[in-house]
Amino acid sequence: MLDLSDCLAAAIQDIGAAVERHDDVITIPDIQLHISPQVSEVAKAPNDHKRVTIYFGFSQPALFPQGAFEYASGWHPSADDAARQAIALWTQVDLPTLLDASAGRRDHAVWLEFDDKKQRNDLFSGNWLCVVGPLNYQRFDGEASPCCQTCLFSSSLASLRPLLHDRRIWGLKLFAFRDEAGVLSIDCRVNGEHRPDLEAAMLRDGESWKHHGIHELRRNYVILEPI
């Protein structure tokens, strides 16, 4: 079976970050980010593929001292290659948000600041910094993405009111999938925990999204930080 920690370390090095390995934990010493990957599930998928879901547990002193976690999945006839896809997805979409938020940089993420005094509604309490990582957008006709990096987050913002009134740091995964018939599916996780209440609100908001008549998916990882 694939050594997940070695694979993760190589993927992180490919984006230019130095790493250390201690047992199965990969550390990015510059920002004190500690990551532990584990296989969560291996399942059969259509066309003789396997779906491998990887659990990424991580901690960082300033953002997540108690730890948080997230998942990513890959699909391939080979379980090892499906796991590589999952690691690549997490490294390209989730990790850049953690890198920028931990180091105070804007290399990969878009930083949005919300000023409590300038809001026209009761959407948030106090001032917030939202670090929006790269958007993973796929549409199954090969056309370029019509979405900007913040589209999924911005269109879901009203759904996130419960978080924006609870002044803690949140790691937010947003995933939306729409099939060719226009049926929308949502997965929303906060610090890794499934949040059906937020999904229901996102589904209502998502009805206004433009339908392109093809399968498409969007995924973002966002860190919400009270300031």
Protein backbone atom coordinates (compact mmCIF):
# COMPACT_ATOMS: atom_id res chain seq x y z
CA MET A 1 0.00 0.00 0.00
CA LEU A 2 1.11 3.53 -0.75
CA ASP A 3 3.00 5.35 2.02
CA LEU A 4 0.62 8.28 2.50
CA SER A 5 3.03 10.38 4.53
CA ASP A 6 5.78 10.09 1.91
CA CYS A 7 3.30 10.93 -0.83
CA LEU A 8 2.01 13.97 1.10
CA ALA A 9 5.56 15.17 1.83
CA ALA A 10 6.46 14.98 -1.87
CA ALA A 11 3.29 16.86 -2.87
CA ILE A 12 4.02 19.64 -0.37
CA GLN A 13 7.62 19.91 -1.55
CA ASP A 14 6.33 20.20 -5.12
CA ILE A 15 4.59 23.48 -4.19
CA GLY A 16 7.80 24.82 -2.66
CA ALA A 17 7.41 24.20 1.08
CA ALA A 18 10.03 22.48 3.23
CA VAL A 19 8.84 19.51 5.28
CA GLU A 20 9.97 17.24 8.07
CA ARG A 21 8.66 13.77 8.89
CA HIS A 22 8.22 12.39 12.40
CA ASP A 23 6.69 8.91 12.28
CA ASP A 24 3.57 9.40 10.12
CA VAL A 25 3.24 13.14 10.82
CA ILE A 26 4.39 15.64 8.21
CA THR A 27 5.44 19.04 9.57
CA ILE A 28 5.94 22.30 7.71
CA PRO A 29 8.35 23.86 10.23
CA ASP A 30 8.13 27.44 8.93
CA ILE A 31 4.51 27.72 10.08
CA GLN A 32 4.41 24.85 12.63
CA LEU A 33 1.70 23.05 10.67
CA HIS A 34 1.47 19.34 11.54
CA ILE A 35 -0.46 17.00 9.22
CA SER A 36 -1.34 13.34 9.60
CA PRO A 37 -2.94 11.54 6.61
CA GLN A 38 -4.91 8.30 7.00
CA VAL A 39 -7.11 6.22 4.73
CA SER A 40 -10.71 6.79 5.76
CA GLU A 41 -12.53 4.69 3.17
CA VAL A 42 -11.98 2.59 0.06
CA ALA A 43 -15.15 1.99 -1.94
CA LYS A 44 -16.20 0.72 -5.34
CA ALA A 45 -17.01 3.39 -7.91
CA PRO A 46 -18.48 3.22 -11.44
CA ASN A 47 -16.41 1.99 -14.41
CA ASP A 48 -14.34 -0.38 -12.27
CA HIS A 49 -12.83 2.53 -10.37
CA LYS A 50 -12.12 2.77 -6.68
CA ARG A 51 -12.93 5.80 -4.57
CA VAL A 52 -10.34 6.38 -1.86
CA THR A 53 -11.07 8.96 0.82
CA ILE A 54 -8.16 10.32 2.85
CA TYR A 55 -8.52 11.88 6.30
CA PHE A 56 -6.16 14.79 6.94
CA GLY A 57 -5.77 15.66 10.62
CA PHE A 58 -3.84 18.85 11.23
CA SER A 59 -2.92 21.38 13.91
CA GLN A 60 -1.30 24.81 13.95
CA PRO A 61 -0.67 26.85 17.13
CA ALA A 62 -2.33 30.12 16.05
CA LEU A 63 -5.25 28.77 14.01
CA PHE A 64 -6.08 25.26 15.24
CA PRO A 65 -4.18 24.50 18.45
CA GLN A 66 -6.72 21.81 19.36
CA GLY A 67 -6.55 20.35 15.87
CA ALA A 68 -8.99 20.07 12.99
CA PHE A 69 -9.46 17.69 10.10
CA GLU A 70 -10.71 17.44 6.56
CA TYR A 71 -11.26 14.83 3.85
CA ALA A 72 -10.44 14.53 0.17
CA SER A 73 -11.26 11.74 -2.29
CA GLY A 74 -9.80 10.40 -5.51
CA TRP A 75 -11.16 8.03 -8.17
CA HIS A 76 -9.03 5.61 -10.20
CA PRO A 77 -8.88 1.91 -11.12
CA SER A 78 -5.82 1.71 -8.85
CA ALA A 79 -6.38 2.37 -5.15
CA ASP A 80 -2.87 3.82 -4.85
CA ASP A 81 -3.47 6.24 -7.71
CA ALA A 82 -6.84 7.22 -6.24
CA ALA A 83 -5.06 8.00 -2.96
CA ARG A 84 -2.49 10.09 -4.88
CA GLN A 85 -5.35 12.04 -6.48
CA ALA A 86 -6.90 12.70 -3.06
CA ILE A 87 -3.58 13.94 -1.68
CA ALA A 88 -3.03 16.14 -4.73
CA LEU A 89 -6.52 17.63 -4.36
CA TRP A 90 -6.01 18.47 -0.67
CA THR A 91 -2.54 19.88 -1.34
CA GLN A 92 -3.77 22.10 -4.19
CA VAL A 93 -7.03 23.31 -2.64
CA ASP A 94 -7.00 23.10 1.17
CA LEU A 95 -3.32 23.41 2.04
CA PRO A 96 -2.73 26.78 0.27
CA THR A 97 -5.39 28.35 2.49
CA LEU A 98 -3.64 27.03 5.60
CA LEU A 99 -0.25 28.19 4.32
CA ASP A 100 -1.38 31.75 3.67
CA ALA A 101 -3.49 32.10 6.82
CA SER A 102 -0.71 30.71 9.02
CA ALA A 103 2.03 32.88 7.55
CA GLY A 104 0.01 36.05 6.91
CA ARG A 105 0.77 35.85 3.18
CA ARG A 106 -1.41 36.32 0.09
CA ASP A 107 0.42 33.95 -2.23
CA HIS A 108 -2.52 31.66 -3.00
CA ALA A 109 -5.62 32.88 -1.18
CA VAL A 110 -7.90 35.88 -1.51
CA TRP A 111 -8.30 37.84 1.73
CA LEU A 112 -11.69 39.41 2.38
CA GLU A 113 -12.28 41.69 5.37
CA PHE A 114 -15.76 42.38 6.73
CA ASP A 115 -16.25 45.50 8.82
CA ASP A 116 -19.11 45.26 11.31
CA LYS A 117 -19.73 49.01 11.11
CA LYS A 118 -20.23 48.92 7.33
CA GLN A 119 -22.65 46.00 7.08
CA ARG A 120 -26.23 46.67 6.07
CA ASN A 121 -27.68 43.55 7.63
CA ASP A 122 -27.15 41.24 10.58
CA LEU A 123 -24.98 38.78 8.67
CA PHE A 124 -21.97 38.90 11.00
CA SER A 125 -20.99 39.98 14.49
CA GLY A 126 -17.82 42.05 14.81
CA ASN A 127 -15.09 42.23 12.17
CA TRP A 128 -13.97 39.15 10.24
CA LEU A 129 -11.09 38.10 8.02
CA CYS A 130 -11.98 35.41 5.47
CA VAL A 131 -9.08 33.66 3.73
CA VAL A 132 -10.50 32.04 0.58
CA GLY A 133 -8.27 29.41 -0.98
CA PRO A 134 -8.07 28.25 -4.59
CA LEU A 135 -11.30 27.09 -6.23
CA ASN A 136 -11.32 23.54 -7.54
CA TYR A 137 -13.78 23.78 -10.44
CA GLN A 138 -14.52 20.94 -12.84
CA ARG A 139 -17.07 20.83 -15.61
CA PHE A 140 -17.41 17.72 -17.66
CA ASP A 141 -17.47 19.31 -21.11
CA GLY A 142 -13.90 20.52 -20.89
CA GLU A 143 -14.80 24.22 -20.98
CA ALA A 144 -12.98 26.76 -18.84
CA SER A 145 -14.36 27.73 -15.46
CA PRO A 146 -16.91 30.57 -15.47
CA CYS A 147 -16.28 31.01 -11.72
CA CYS A 148 -13.88 33.26 -9.86
CA GLN A 149 -11.96 32.09 -6.78
CA THR A 150 -14.48 33.58 -4.34
CA CYS A 151 -17.72 32.73 -6.21
CA LEU A 152 -18.67 29.68 -4.17
CA PHE A 153 -17.91 31.38 -0.88
CA SER A 154 -19.64 34.64 -1.80
CA SER A 155 -22.78 32.91 -3.01
CA SER A 156 -22.88 30.87 0.21
CA LEU A 157 -22.17 33.78 2.55
CA ALA A 158 -25.75 34.29 3.76
CA SER A 159 -25.87 30.59 4.70
CA LEU A 160 -22.90 31.00 7.03
CA ARG A 161 -24.50 33.45 9.43
CA PRO A 162 -24.38 30.99 12.41
CA LEU A 163 -20.58 30.84 12.10
CA LEU A 164 -20.16 34.57 11.62
CA HIS A 165 -22.01 35.21 14.89
CA ASP A 166 -19.80 32.78 16.84
CA ARG A 167 -16.44 34.49 17.16
CA ARG A 168 -14.08 31.58 16.84
CA ILE A 169 -11.72 30.50 14.05
CA TRP A 170 -13.42 28.18 11.59
CA GLY A 171 -12.00 25.99 8.83
CA LEU A 172 -14.75 25.72 6.26
CA LYS A 173 -14.96 23.26 3.38
CA LEU A 174 -17.56 24.07 0.73
CA PHE A 175 -18.37 21.49 -1.94
CA ALA A 176 -21.12 21.78 -4.52
CA PHE A 177 -22.01 19.36 -7.31
CA ARG A 178 -24.67 19.92 -9.97
CA ASP A 179 -25.66 17.22 -12.45
CA GLU A 180 -26.74 17.76 -16.04
CA ALA A 181 -30.40 17.90 -14.98
CA GLY A 182 -29.59 20.77 -12.62
CA VAL A 183 -29.93 18.81 -9.37
CA LEU A 184 -27.63 20.37 -6.77
CA SER A 185 -25.80 18.47 -4.00
CA ILE A 186 -23.90 20.18 -1.18
CA ASP A 187 -21.29 19.06 1.33
CA CYS A 188 -20.34 21.58 4.02
CA ARG A 189 -17.90 20.81 6.81
CA VAL A 190 -16.68 23.05 9.63
CA ASN A 191 -13.34 22.07 11.21
CA GLY A 192 -14.05 18.71 9.56
CA GLU A 193 -17.47 18.20 11.14
CA HIS A 194 -20.46 17.69 8.86
CA ARG A 195 -22.97 20.59 9.09
CA PRO A 196 -26.36 19.62 7.56
CA ASP A 197 -27.90 22.85 8.87
CA LEU A 198 -25.55 24.94 6.74
CA GLU A 199 -26.04 22.60 3.77
CA ALA A 200 -29.79 23.18 3.81
CA ALA A 201 -29.26 26.94 3.66
CA MET A 202 -26.65 26.58 0.91
CA LEU A 203 -29.07 24.49 -1.15
CA ARG A 204 -31.61 27.28 -0.98
CA ASP A 205 -29.00 29.83 -2.01
CA GLY A 206 -27.68 27.53 -4.72
CA GLU A 207 -30.94 27.51 -6.61
CA SER A 208 -29.95 30.92 -7.97
CA TRP A 209 -26.68 29.65 -9.45
CA LYS A 210 -26.58 29.58 -13.21
CA HIS A 211 -27.11 26.09 -14.65
CA HIS A 212 -24.91 25.19 -17.61
CA GLY A 213 -26.62 21.91 -18.49
CA ILE A 214 -23.60 19.74 -17.68
CA HIS A 215 -22.03 18.05 -14.65
CA GLU A 216 -19.95 20.53 -12.68
CA LEU A 217 -18.42 20.72 -9.23
CA ARG A 218 -16.85 23.39 -7.07
CA ARG A 219 -14.72 23.04 -3.95
CA ASN A 220 -13.17 25.69 -1.70
CA TYR A 221 -11.44 25.70 1.65
CA VAL A 222 -11.92 28.91 3.63
CA ILE A 223 -10.65 30.06 7.02
CA LEU A 224 -12.92 32.45 8.91
CA GLU A 225 -11.10 34.43 11.59
CA PRO A 226 -12.57 37.09 13.93
CA ILE A 227 -10.42 40.23 14.10
